[in-house]
C-alpha atoms as a PDB file:
ATOM      1  CA  MET A   1      38.648  -0.540  14.814  1.00  0.00           C
ATOM      2  CA  ASP A   2      37.981   1.904  12.020  1.00  0.00           C
ATOM      3  CA  GLU A   3      40.100  -0.076   9.529  1.00  0.00           C
ATOM      4  CA  ALA A   4      38.190  -3.303  10.228  1.00  0.00           C
ATOM      5  CA  ILE A   5      34.854  -1.511   9.673  1.00  0.00           C
ATOM      6  CA  SER A   6      36.139  -0.052   6.389  1.00  0.00           C
ATOM      7  CA  GLN A   7      37.249  -3.513   5.184  1.00  0.00           C
ATOM      8  CA  PHE A   8      33.837  -4.982   6.062  1.00  0.00           C
ATOM      9  CA  LEU A   9      31.937  -2.226   4.270  1.00  0.00           C
ATOM     10  CA  ASN A  10      34.212  -2.755   1.229  1.00  0.00           C
ATOM     11  CA  PHE A  11      33.354  -6.487   1.450  1.00  0.00           C
ATOM     12  CA  LEU A  12      29.666  -5.606   1.411  1.00  0.00           C
ATOM     13  CA  ALA A  13      30.056  -3.392  -1.643  1.00  0.00           C
ATOM     14  CA  VAL A  14      32.328  -5.618  -3.697  1.00  0.00           C
ATOM     15  CA  GLU A  15      31.404  -9.180  -2.667  1.00  0.00           C
ATOM     16  CA  LYS A  16      27.752  -8.728  -1.680  1.00  0.00           C
ATOM     17  CA  ASN A  17      26.870  -5.984  -4.146  1.00  0.00           C
ATOM     18  CA  ALA A  18      25.051  -4.154  -1.321  1.00  0.00           C
ATOM     19  CA  SER A  19      23.297  -0.925  -2.118  1.00  0.00           C
ATOM     20  CA  ASN A  20      24.613   2.451  -0.962  1.00  0.00           C
ATOM     21  CA  ASN A  21      21.707   2.758   1.514  1.00  0.00           C
ATOM     22  CA  THR A  22      22.540  -0.669   3.050  1.00  0.00           C
ATOM     23  CA  ILE A  23      26.205   0.218   3.368  1.00  0.00           C
ATOM     24  CA  ALA A  24      25.322   3.562   4.953  1.00  0.00           C
ATOM     25  CA  ALA A  25      23.056   1.822   7.492  1.00  0.00           C
ATOM     26  CA  TYR A  26      25.839  -0.663   8.417  1.00  0.00           C
ATOM     27  CA  ARG A  27      28.299   2.216   8.723  1.00  0.00           C
ATOM     28  CA  ASN A  28      26.072   4.095  11.169  1.00  0.00           C
ATOM     29  CA  ASP A  29      25.222   1.000  13.233  1.00  0.00           C
ATOM     30  CA  LEU A  30      28.825  -0.181  13.526  1.00  0.00           C
ATOM     31  CA  ALA A  31      30.038   3.321  14.364  1.00  0.00           C
ATOM     32  CA  GLN A  32      27.529   3.345  17.240  1.00  0.00           C
ATOM     33  CA  LEU A  33      28.766  -0.021  18.428  1.00  0.00           C
ATOM     34  CA  GLU A  34      32.379   1.098  18.246  1.00  0.00           C
ATOM     35  CA  LYS A  35      31.655   4.259  20.240  1.00  0.00           C
ATOM     36  CA  PHE A  36      29.946   2.307  22.929  1.00  0.00           C
ATOM     37  CA  LEU A  37      32.709  -0.269  23.269  1.00  0.00           C
ATOM     38  CA  LYS A  38      35.442   2.359  23.354  1.00  0.00           C
ATOM     39  CA  SER A  39      33.587   4.174  26.183  1.00  0.00           C
ATOM     40  CA  LYS A  40      33.503   0.951  28.222  1.00  0.00           C
ATOM     41  CA  SER A  41      37.016  -0.406  27.693  1.00  0.00           C
ATOM     42  CA  SER A  42      40.594   0.825  27.341  1.00  0.00           C
ATOM     43  CA  ASP A  43      41.363  -2.088  24.970  1.00  0.00           C
ATOM     44  CA  SER A  44      40.234  -0.758  21.574  1.00  0.00           C
ATOM     45  CA  SER A  45      40.514  -3.968  19.605  1.00  0.00           C
ATOM     46  CA  TRP A  46      37.777  -6.132  18.205  1.00  0.00           C
ATOM     47  CA  GLY A  47      39.483  -9.291  19.463  1.00  0.00           C
ATOM     48  CA  ALA A  48      39.015  -8.176  23.067  1.00  0.00           C
ATOM     49  CA  ILE A  49      35.243  -7.916  22.767  1.00  0.00           C
ATOM     50  CA  THR A  50      33.262 -10.551  24.698  1.00  0.00           C
ATOM     51  CA  GLN A  51      29.684 -11.721  24.551  1.00  0.00           C
ATOM     52  CA  GLU A  52      29.041  -9.836  27.754  1.00  0.00           C
ATOM     53  CA  ASP A  53      30.199  -6.614  26.064  1.00  0.00           C
ATOM     54  CA  VAL A  54      27.730  -7.122  23.245  1.00  0.00           C
ATOM     55  CA  VAL A  55      24.911  -7.942  25.646  1.00  0.00           C
ATOM     56  CA  ARG A  56      25.610  -4.721  27.540  1.00  0.00           C
ATOM     57  CA  TYR A  57      25.501  -2.910  24.151  1.00  0.00           C
ATOM     58  CA  VAL A  58      22.028  -4.311  23.484  1.00  0.00           C
ATOM     59  CA  ALA A  59      20.860  -3.320  26.962  1.00  0.00           C
ATOM     60  CA  HIS A  60      22.234   0.171  26.274  1.00  0.00           C
ATOM     61  CA  LEU A  61      20.185   0.415  23.087  1.00  0.00           C
ATOM     62  CA  ARG A  62      17.052  -0.602  25.008  1.00  0.00           C
ATOM     63  CA  ASP A  63      17.793   1.939  27.748  1.00  0.00           C
ATOM     64  CA  ARG A  64      17.961   4.651  25.128  1.00  0.00           C
ATOM     65  CA  GLY A  65      14.438   3.759  24.009  1.00  0.00           C
ATOM     66  CA  TYR A  66      15.147   2.184  20.629  1.00  0.00           C
ATOM     67  CA  LYS A  67      12.251   0.117  19.206  1.00  0.00           C
ATOM     68  CA  ASP A  68      12.600  -3.651  18.850  1.00  0.00           C
ATOM     69  CA  ALA A  69      12.891  -3.397  15.108  1.00  0.00           C
ATOM     70  CA  THR A  70      15.782  -0.939  15.362  1.00  0.00           C
ATOM     71  CA  VAL A  71      17.519  -3.017  18.074  1.00  0.00           C
ATOM     72  CA  ALA A  72      17.141  -6.133  15.869  1.00  0.00           C
ATOM     73  CA  ARG A  73      18.707  -4.288  12.903  1.00  0.00           C
ATOM     74  CA  LYS A  74      21.650  -3.107  14.940  1.00  0.00           C
ATOM     75  CA  VAL A  75      22.156  -6.602  16.402  1.00  0.00           C
ATOM     76  CA  ALA A  76      21.997  -8.117  12.926  1.00  0.00           C
ATOM     77  CA  ALA A  77      24.626  -5.626  11.719  1.00  0.00           C
ATOM     78  CA  SER A  78      26.891  -6.529  14.651  1.00  0.00           C
ATOM     79  CA  LYS A  79      26.463 -10.307  14.023  1.00  0.00           C
ATOM     80  CA  SER A  80      27.303  -9.881  10.331  1.00  0.00           C
ATOM     81  CA  PHE A  81      30.341  -7.764  11.162  1.00  0.00           C
ATOM     82  CA  PHE A  82      31.793 -10.181  13.761  1.00  0.00           C
ATOM     83  CA  SER A  83      31.158 -13.142  11.524  1.00  0.00           C
ATOM     84  CA  PHE A  84      33.182 -11.424   8.846  1.00  0.00           C
ATOM     85  CA  LEU A  85      35.994 -10.623  11.282  1.00  0.00           C
ATOM     86  CA  CYS A  86      36.089 -14.235  12.437  1.00  0.00           C
ATOM     87  CA  ALA A  87      35.984 -15.715   8.923  1.00  0.00           C
ATOM     88  CA  ASP A  88      38.810 -13.470   7.760  1.00  0.00           C
ATOM     89  CA  GLY A  89      41.004 -14.189  10.808  1.00  0.00           C
ATOM     90  CA  PHE A  90      40.766 -10.730  12.465  1.00  0.00           C
ATOM     91  CA  ILE A  91      39.457 -12.337  15.619  1.00  0.00           C
ATOM     92  CA  GLU A  92      39.592 -15.903  16.976  1.00  0.00           C
ATOM     93  CA  GLN A  93      36.049 -16.145  18.367  1.00  0.00           C
ATOM     94  CA  ASP A  94      32.802 -14.499  17.428  1.00  0.00           C
ATOM     95  CA  PRO A  95      31.266 -12.819  20.507  1.00  0.00           C
ATOM     96  CA  THR A  96      27.831 -12.715  18.839  1.00  0.00           C
ATOM     97  CA  GLU A  97      27.691 -16.366  17.874  1.00  0.00           C
ATOM     98  CA  HIS A  98      25.143 -17.301  20.517  1.00  0.00           C
ATOM     99  CA  LEU A  99      23.486 -13.912  20.642  1.00  0.00           C
ATOM    100  CA  LYS A 100      19.804 -14.025  19.722  1.00  0.00           C
ATOM    101  CA  SER A 101      18.214 -11.157  17.849  1.00  0.00           C
ATOM    102  CA  PRO A 102      15.158  -9.499  19.439  1.00  0.00           C
ATOM    103  CA  GLN A 103      11.778 -10.810  18.313  1.00  0.00           C
ATOM    104  CA  VAL A 104      10.058  -8.261  16.193  1.00  0.00           C
ATOM    105  CA  GLY A 105       6.321  -8.373  15.606  1.00  0.00           C
ATOM    106  CA  LYS A 106       5.176  -7.862  11.993  1.00  0.00           C
ATOM    107  CA  SER A 107       3.737  -4.316  12.053  1.00  0.00           C
ATOM    108  CA  LEU A 108       1.134  -3.203   9.618  1.00  0.00           C
ATOM    109  CA  PRO A 109       2.083  -0.322   7.362  1.00  0.00           C
ATOM    110  CA  ARG A 110       0.421   3.039   7.907  1.00  0.00           C
ATOM    111  CA  ALA A 111      -1.966   4.232   5.272  1.00  0.00           C
ATOM    112  CA  LEU A 112      -3.781   7.519   4.704  1.00  0.00           C
ATOM    113  CA  THR A 113      -7.531   7.768   4.292  1.00  0.00           C
ATOM    114  CA  PRO A 114      -8.889   8.931   0.956  1.00  0.00           C
ATOM    115  CA  GLN A 115      -9.748  12.296   2.525  1.00  0.00           C
ATOM    116  CA  GLU A 116      -6.210  12.697   3.823  1.00  0.00           C
ATOM    117  CA  VAL A 117      -4.789  11.870   0.405  1.00  0.00           C
ATOM    118  CA  ASP A 118      -6.951  14.533  -1.192  1.00  0.00           C
ATOM    119  CA  GLU A 119      -5.841  17.077   1.397  1.00  0.00           C
ATOM    120  CA  LEU A 120      -2.146  16.265   0.900  1.00  0.00           C
ATOM    121  CA  LEU A 121      -2.369  16.409  -2.892  1.00  0.00           C
ATOM    122  CA  GLU A 122      -4.140  19.714  -2.640  1.00  0.00           C
ATOM    123  CA  GLN A 123      -1.293  21.462  -0.797  1.00  0.00           C
ATOM    124  CA  PRO A 124       1.069  22.113  -3.820  1.00  0.00           C
ATOM    125  CA  SER A 125      -1.842  23.626  -5.750  1.00  0.00           C
ATOM    126  CA  ARG A 126      -1.990  26.491  -3.286  1.00  0.00           C
ATOM    127  CA  ARG A 127       1.391  27.794  -4.461  1.00  0.00           C
ATOM    128  CA  ASN A 128       2.114  29.255  -7.844  1.00  0.00           C
ATOM    129  CA  THR A 129       5.727  28.229  -8.262  1.00  0.00           C
ATOM    130  CA  PRO A 130       7.573  25.810 -10.571  1.00  0.00           C
ATOM    131  CA  GLU A 131       8.665  23.802  -7.551  1.00  0.00           C
ATOM    132  CA  ALA A 132       5.114  23.428  -6.353  1.00  0.00           C
ATOM    133  CA  ARG A 133       3.973  22.157  -9.734  1.00  0.00           C
ATOM    134  CA  ARG A 134       6.821  19.694  -9.737  1.00  0.00           C
ATOM    135  CA  ASP A 135       5.822  18.558  -6.236  1.00  0.00           C
ATOM    136  CA  LYS A 136       2.190  18.122  -7.337  1.00  0.00           C
ATOM    137  CA  SER A 137       3.334  15.934 -10.212  1.00  0.00           C
ATOM    138  CA  MET A 138       5.540  13.781  -7.890  1.00  0.00           C
ATOM    139  CA  LEU A 139       2.795  13.268  -5.290  1.00  0.00           C
ATOM    140  CA  GLU A 140       0.205  12.376  -7.875  1.00  0.00           C
ATOM    141  CA  LEU A 141       2.645   9.953  -9.529  1.00  0.00           C
ATOM    142  CA  LEU A 142       3.521   8.173  -6.277  1.00  0.00           C
ATOM    143  CA  TYR A 143      -0.134   7.757  -5.298  1.00  0.00           C
ATOM    144  CA  ALA A 144      -1.092   6.604  -8.800  1.00  0.00           C
ATOM    145  CA  THR A 145       1.671   4.012  -9.123  1.00  0.00           C
ATOM    146  CA  GLY A 146       2.956   2.914  -5.712  1.00  0.00           C
ATOM    147  CA  LEU A 147       6.526   3.609  -6.684  1.00  0.00           C
ATOM    148  CA  ARG A 148       9.251   3.488  -4.102  1.00  0.00           C
ATOM    149  CA  VAL A 149      10.721   6.996  -3.534  1.00  0.00           C
ATOM    150  CA  SER A 150      14.108   5.645  -4.693  1.00  0.00           C
ATOM    151  CA  GLU A 151      12.416   4.624  -7.956  1.00  0.00           C
ATOM    152  CA  LEU A 152      10.776   8.035  -8.234  1.00  0.00           C
ATOM    153  CA  VAL A 153      13.952  10.074  -8.012  1.00  0.00           C
ATOM    154  CA  ALA A 154      15.768   7.600 -10.317  1.00  0.00           C
ATOM    155  CA  LEU A 155      13.303   8.193 -13.178  1.00  0.00           C
ATOM    156  CA  GLU A 156      14.700   9.635 -16.437  1.00  0.00           C
ATOM    157  CA  VAL A 157      12.732  11.732 -18.877  1.00  0.00           C
ATOM    158  CA  ASN A 158      12.915   8.880 -21.374  1.00  0.00           C
ATOM    159  CA  ASP A 159      11.229   6.546 -18.918  1.00  0.00           C
ATOM    160  CA  VAL A 160       7.894   8.409 -19.599  1.00  0.00           C
ATOM    161  CA  ALA A 161       5.957   7.293 -22.674  1.00  0.00           C
ATOM    162  CA  LEU A 162       3.694  10.221 -23.281  1.00  0.00           C
ATOM    163  CA  GLU A 163       2.757   8.988 -26.716  1.00  0.00           C
ATOM    164  CA  SER A 164       1.297   5.676 -25.474  1.00  0.00           C
ATOM    165  CA  ASP A 165      -2.354   5.240 -24.527  1.00  0.00           C
ATOM    166  CA  PRO A 166      -2.471   5.110 -21.582  1.00  0.00           C
ATOM    167  CA  VAL A 167       0.645   7.057 -20.701  1.00  0.00           C
ATOM    168  CA  THR A 168       3.228   4.728 -19.030  1.00  0.00           C
ATOM    169  CA  ILE A 169       6.364   5.026 -16.990  1.00  0.00           C
ATOM    170  CA  ARG A 170       9.206   2.534 -16.741  1.00  0.00           C
ATOM    171  CA  CYS A 171      11.026   2.161 -13.472  1.00  0.00           C
ATOM    172  CA  THR A 172      13.794  -0.067 -12.152  1.00  0.00           C
ATOM    173  CA  GLY A 173      13.077  -1.711  -8.814  1.00  0.00           C
ATOM    174  CA  LYS A 174      14.962  -3.940  -6.495  1.00  0.00           C
ATOM    175  CA  GLY A 175      17.212  -6.499  -8.159  1.00  0.00           C
ATOM    176  CA  ASP A 176      17.342  -4.266 -11.210  1.00  0.00           C
ATOM    177  CA  HIS A 177      13.947  -5.553 -12.389  1.00  0.00           C
ATOM    178  CA  ASP A 178      12.129  -3.189 -14.689  1.00  0.00           C
ATOM    179  CA  ARG A 179       8.417  -2.724 -14.684  1.00  0.00           C
ATOM    180  CA  VAL A 180       6.069  -0.551 -16.690  1.00  0.00           C
ATOM    181  CA  ARG A 181       3.137   1.182 -15.007  1.00  0.00           C
ATOM    182  CA  PRO A 182       0.167   2.860 -16.691  1.00  0.00           C
ATOM    183  CA  LEU A 183      -0.998   6.285 -15.535  1.00  0.00           C
ATOM    184  CA  ARG A 184      -4.525   7.613 -15.294  1.00  0.00           C
ATOM    185  CA  ASN A 185      -6.335  10.929 -14.943  1.00  0.00           C
ATOM    186  CA  SER A 186      -4.768  13.727 -12.916  1.00  0.00           C
ATOM    187  CA  ALA A 187      -1.360  11.994 -12.585  1.00  0.00           C
ATOM    188  CA  THR A 188      -1.058  11.932 -16.382  1.00  0.00           C
ATOM    189  CA  GLU A 189      -2.046  15.573 -16.801  1.00  0.00           C
ATOM    190  CA  GLU A 190       0.177  16.771 -14.017  1.00  0.00           C
ATOM    191  CA  LEU A 191       3.170  14.906 -15.430  1.00  0.00           C
ATOM    192  CA  ARG A 192       2.519  16.172 -18.957  1.00  0.00           C
ATOM    193  CA  GLN A 193       2.329  19.800 -17.727  1.00  0.00           C
ATOM    194  CA  TYR A 194       5.484  19.306 -15.683  1.00  0.00           C
ATOM    195  CA  ILE A 195       7.574  17.847 -18.520  1.00  0.00           C
ATOM    196  CA  PHE A 196       6.532  20.421 -21.135  1.00  0.00           C
ATOM    197  CA  HIS A 197       6.094  23.633 -19.054  1.00  0.00           C
ATOM    198  CA  ILE A 198       7.752  23.305 -15.666  1.00  0.00           C
ATOM    199  CA  ARG A 199      10.843  21.167 -15.943  1.00  0.00           C
ATOM    200  CA  PRO A 200      12.401  23.462 -18.634  1.00  0.00           C
ATOM    201  CA  LYS A 201      12.237  26.301 -16.093  1.00  0.00           C
ATOM    202  CA  LEU A 202      14.198  24.313 -13.539  1.00  0.00           C
ATOM    203  CA  VAL A 203      16.793  22.535 -15.678  1.00  0.00           C
ATOM    204  CA  ARG A 204      19.953  24.500 -16.384  1.00  0.00           C
ATOM    205  CA  ASN A 205      21.956  21.837 -18.156  1.00  0.00           C
ATOM    206  CA  ARG A 206      20.279  20.452 -21.273  1.00  0.00           C
ATOM    207  CA  ARG A 207      22.124  17.196 -20.765  1.00  0.00           C
ATOM    208  CA  GLU A 208      20.392  16.583 -17.447  1.00  0.00           C
ATOM    209  CA  SER A 209      18.308  13.398 -17.963  1.00  0.00           C
ATOM    210  CA  ALA A 210      16.633  13.242 -14.536  1.00  0.00           C
ATOM    211  CA  LEU A 211      12.860  13.569 -14.687  1.00  0.00           C
ATOM    212  CA  PHE A 212      12.508  15.380 -11.338  1.00  0.00           C
ATOM    213  CA  VAL A 213      15.090  18.038 -10.541  1.00  0.00           C
ATOM    214  CA  ASN A 214      15.718  20.415  -7.657  1.00  0.00           C
ATOM    215  CA  ARG A 215      16.182  24.194  -7.676  1.00  0.00           C
ATOM    216  CA  ARG A 216      19.708  23.835  -9.010  1.00  0.00           C
ATOM    217  CA  GLY A 217      18.473  21.842 -11.951  1.00  0.00           C
ATOM    218  CA  GLU A 218      20.017  18.666 -10.690  1.00  0.00           C
ATOM    219  CA  ARG A 219      18.449  15.310  -9.851  1.00  0.00           C
ATOM    220  CA  LEU A 220      16.245  15.464  -6.792  1.00  0.00           C
ATOM    221  CA  THR A 221      17.444  13.184  -3.916  1.00  0.00           C
ATOM    222  CA  ARG A 222      15.505  10.987  -1.601  1.00  0.00           C
ATOM    223  CA  GLN A 223      16.294  13.269   1.247  1.00  0.00           C
ATOM    224  CA  GLY A 224      15.107  16.241  -0.794  1.00  0.00           C
ATOM    225  CA  PHE A 225      11.825  14.554  -1.493  1.00  0.00           C
ATOM    226  CA  TRP A 226      11.412  13.618   2.199  1.00  0.00           C
ATOM    227  CA  LEU A 227      11.682  17.300   3.194  1.00  0.00           C
ATOM    228  CA  ILE A 228       9.126  18.261   0.568  1.00  0.00           C
ATOM    229  CA  LEU A 229       6.677  15.625   1.733  1.00  0.00           C
ATOM    230  CA  LYS A 230       7.116  16.488   5.387  1.00  0.00           C
ATOM    231  CA  ASN A 231       6.352  20.133   4.771  1.00  0.00           C
ATOM    232  CA  TYR A 232       3.172  19.412   2.817  1.00  0.00           C
ATOM    233  CA  ALA A 233       2.039  16.888   5.428  1.00  0.00           C
ATOM    234  CA  ARG A 234       2.393  19.507   8.103  1.00  0.00           C
ATOM    235  CA  GLU A 235       0.503  22.076   6.064  1.00  0.00           C
ATOM    236  CA  ALA A 236      -2.239  19.511   5.493  1.00  0.00           C
ATOM    237  CA  GLY A 237      -2.580  19.092   9.241  1.00  0.00           C
ATOM    238  CA  LEU A 238      -1.853  15.327   9.084  1.00  0.00           C
ATOM    239  CA  ASP A 239      -0.973  14.129  12.569  1.00  0.00           C
ATOM    240  CA  LYS A 240       0.209  10.736  11.341  1.00  0.00           C
ATOM    241  CA  ALA A 241       3.920   9.979  10.932  1.00  0.00           C
ATOM    242  CA  ILE A 242       4.100  10.544   7.199  1.00  0.00           C
ATOM    243  CA  THR A 243       7.126   9.098   5.398  1.00  0.00           C
ATOM    244  CA  PRO A 244       7.987   8.777   1.717  1.00  0.00           C
ATOM    245  CA  HIS A 245       6.811   5.143   1.969  1.00  0.00           C
ATOM    246  CA  THR A 246       3.370   6.177   3.224  1.00  0.00           C
ATOM    247  CA  LEU A 247       2.011   6.864  -0.233  1.00  0.00           C
ATOM    248  CA  ARG A 248       3.198   3.456  -1.415  1.00  0.00           C
ATOM    249  CA  HIS A 249       1.340   1.800   1.486  1.00  0.00           C
ATOM    250  CA  THR A 250      -1.691   3.952   0.766  1.00  0.00           C
ATOM    251  CA  PHE A 251      -1.652   3.046  -2.938  1.00  0.00           C
ATOM    252  CA  ALA A 252      -1.650  -0.658  -2.110  1.00  0.00           C
ATOM    253  CA  THR A 253      -4.372  -0.377   0.527  1.00  0.00           C
ATOM    254  CA  HIS A 254      -6.672   1.691  -1.658  1.00  0.00           C
ATOM    255  CA  MET A 255      -6.177  -0.526  -4.704  1.00  0.00           C
ATOM    256  CA  LEU A 256      -7.076  -3.691  -2.763  1.00  0.00           C
ATOM    257  CA  SER A 257     -10.067  -1.915  -1.241  1.00  0.00           C
ATOM    258  CA  GLY A 258     -11.069  -0.811  -4.758  1.00  0.00           C
ATOM    259  CA  GLY A 259     -11.092  -4.445  -5.955  1.00  0.00           C
ATOM    260  CA  MET A 260      -7.692  -4.873  -7.560  1.00  0.00           C
ATOM    261  CA  PRO A 261      -6.566  -8.518  -7.366  1.00  0.00           C
ATOM    262  CA  LEU A 262      -3.656  -9.221  -5.033  1.00  0.00           C
ATOM    263  CA  ARG A 263      -1.468 -10.415  -7.912  1.00  0.00           C
ATOM    264  CA  ASN A 264      -1.966  -7.112  -9.737  1.00  0.00           C
ATOM    265  CA  VAL A 265      -1.018  -5.168  -6.617  1.00  0.00           C
ATOM    266  CA  GLN A 266       2.074  -7.400  -6.276  1.00  0.00           C
ATOM    267  CA  GLU A 267       3.065  -6.569  -9.857  1.00  0.00           C
ATOM    268  CA  ALA A 268       2.436  -2.855  -9.383  1.00  0.00           C
ATOM    269  CA  LEU A 269       4.573  -2.671  -6.258  1.00  0.00           C
ATOM    270  CA  GLY A 270       7.345  -4.839  -7.746  1.00  0.00           C
ATOM    271  CA  HIS A 271       7.294  -7.366  -4.912  1.00  0.00           C
ATOM    272  CA  ALA A 272       9.239 -10.554  -5.707  1.00  0.00           C
ATOM    273  CA  SER A 273       6.973 -12.604  -3.452  1.00  0.00           C
ATOM    274  CA  ILE A 274       3.215 -12.312  -3.034  1.00  0.00           C
ATOM    275  CA  SER A 275       3.613 -12.963   0.671  1.00  0.00           C
ATOM    276  CA  THR A 276       5.156  -9.495   0.969  1.00  0.00           C
ATOM    277  CA  THR A 277       2.018  -8.022  -0.610  1.00  0.00           C
ATOM    278  CA  GLN A 278      -0.393  -9.987   1.556  1.00  0.00           C
ATOM    279  CA  ILE A 279       0.293  -7.808   4.586  1.00  0.00           C
ATOM    280  CA  TYR A 280      -1.926  -5.167   2.928  1.00  0.00           C
ATOM    281  CA  THR A 281      -4.908  -7.532   3.028  1.00  0.00           C
ATOM    282  CA  HIS A 282      -5.002  -7.081   6.845  1.00  0.00           C
ATOM    283  CA  LEU A 283      -5.511  -3.362   6.256  1.00  0.00           C
ATOM    284  CA  THR A 284      -8.489  -3.798   3.980  1.00  0.00           C
ATOM    285  CA  ASP A 285     -10.470  -6.613   5.723  1.00  0.00           C
ATOM    286  CA  LYS A 286     -12.720  -4.070   7.474  1.00  0.00           C
ATOM    287  CA  GLN A 287     -12.915  -1.548   4.673  1.00  0.00           C
ATOM    288  CA  LYS A 288     -15.740  -1.912   2.239  1.00  0.00           C
ATOM    289  CA  ARG A 289     -15.329  -1.221  -1.456  1.00  0.00           C
ATOM    290  CA  ASN A 290     -18.359   1.074  -1.600  1.00  0.00           C
ATOM    291  CA  ASP A 291     -16.861   3.323   1.031  1.00  0.00           C
ATOM    292  CA  TYR A 292     -13.891   4.010  -1.277  1.00  0.00           C
ATOM    293  CA  ASP A 293     -16.072   4.341  -4.335  1.00  0.00           C
ATOM    294  CA  LYS A 294     -18.083   7.157  -2.715  1.00  0.00           C
ATOM    295  CA  ALA A 295     -15.220   8.870  -0.953  1.00  0.00           C
ATOM    296  CA  HIS A 296     -12.644   8.679  -3.678  1.00  0.00           C
ATOM    297  CA  PRO A 297     -13.801   7.673  -7.179  1.00  0.00           C
ATOM    298  CA  ARG A 298     -10.259   7.991  -8.609  1.00  0.00           C
ATOM    299  CA  ALA A 299      -9.125   4.995  -6.613  1.00  0.00           C
ATOM    300  CA  TYR A 300     -11.803   2.715  -8.084  1.00  0.00           C
ATOM    301  CA  GLU A 301     -11.407   4.038 -11.597  1.00  0.00           C
ATOM    302  CA  ARG A 302      -7.662   3.202 -11.588  1.00  0.00           C
ATOM    303  CA  SER A 303      -8.130  -0.244 -10.071  1.00  0.00           C
ATOM    304  CA  ALA A 304     -10.941  -1.129 -12.517  1.00  0.00           C
ATOM    305  CA  SER A 305      -8.822  -0.118 -15.506  1.00  0.00           C
ATOM    306  CA  GLU A 306      -5.898  -2.454 -14.574  1.00  0.00           C
END
């Protein structure tokens, strides 16, 4: 069983050019499927798996309390895997061929209020350490640009154009598409201070090109940023489920509420299709522009300058 999974993951990497995150997700989902099947049968071969076995697996996931979106993802992983096994002759019949994926409602992303954003961004300022100044710069940058966290940690020092007016950053998004985003106000000042005064205190190897580094002077990881954000969210007393993607959702919601055209938000987020961006319009239908102008002038100032 393990060998077949390894060959499938290699197929995803080589033939489908899947990302490391995608491959890791498939590995975890298929390992869970394998563990379940082995616990229910003494025949540990993929060819012995029936549709009834897979249906029992789905029921097992529901019994464990997994959400529909998670179950749907795991079912999709299983269907892709068995399709691969069948196409390559590992098994004669695909047990998931007639298995339907759970219907998943389109959920709206969670966004912070302007007051919650201010409270979150204030947390690093209460510490007088190089790491806290770095964190302040990262949080300001995410809220000012709507970058994905993977784009944030992938930034190089050379991606920041401090000499331009306004200051810009260049990031590489999905599909290796580059986009350049302007910075405004506090995000610019925090980033400038970080690059000239804070980063040199953290970097140990002068050849390190990563913009944001950890205590060892190496590139900060997505997991590292997640822990940083979680700690500050807890200190800010935010009871919402804050994730690294929350600031991206918040950026889009506040920009639309501040009057930024949908096409501009699409470009800022790096969405290939505007339909992906349109989900944020549902979040702003009941929010008036004046409310954001009064509560958070920075949001309107950035949107007006785009």
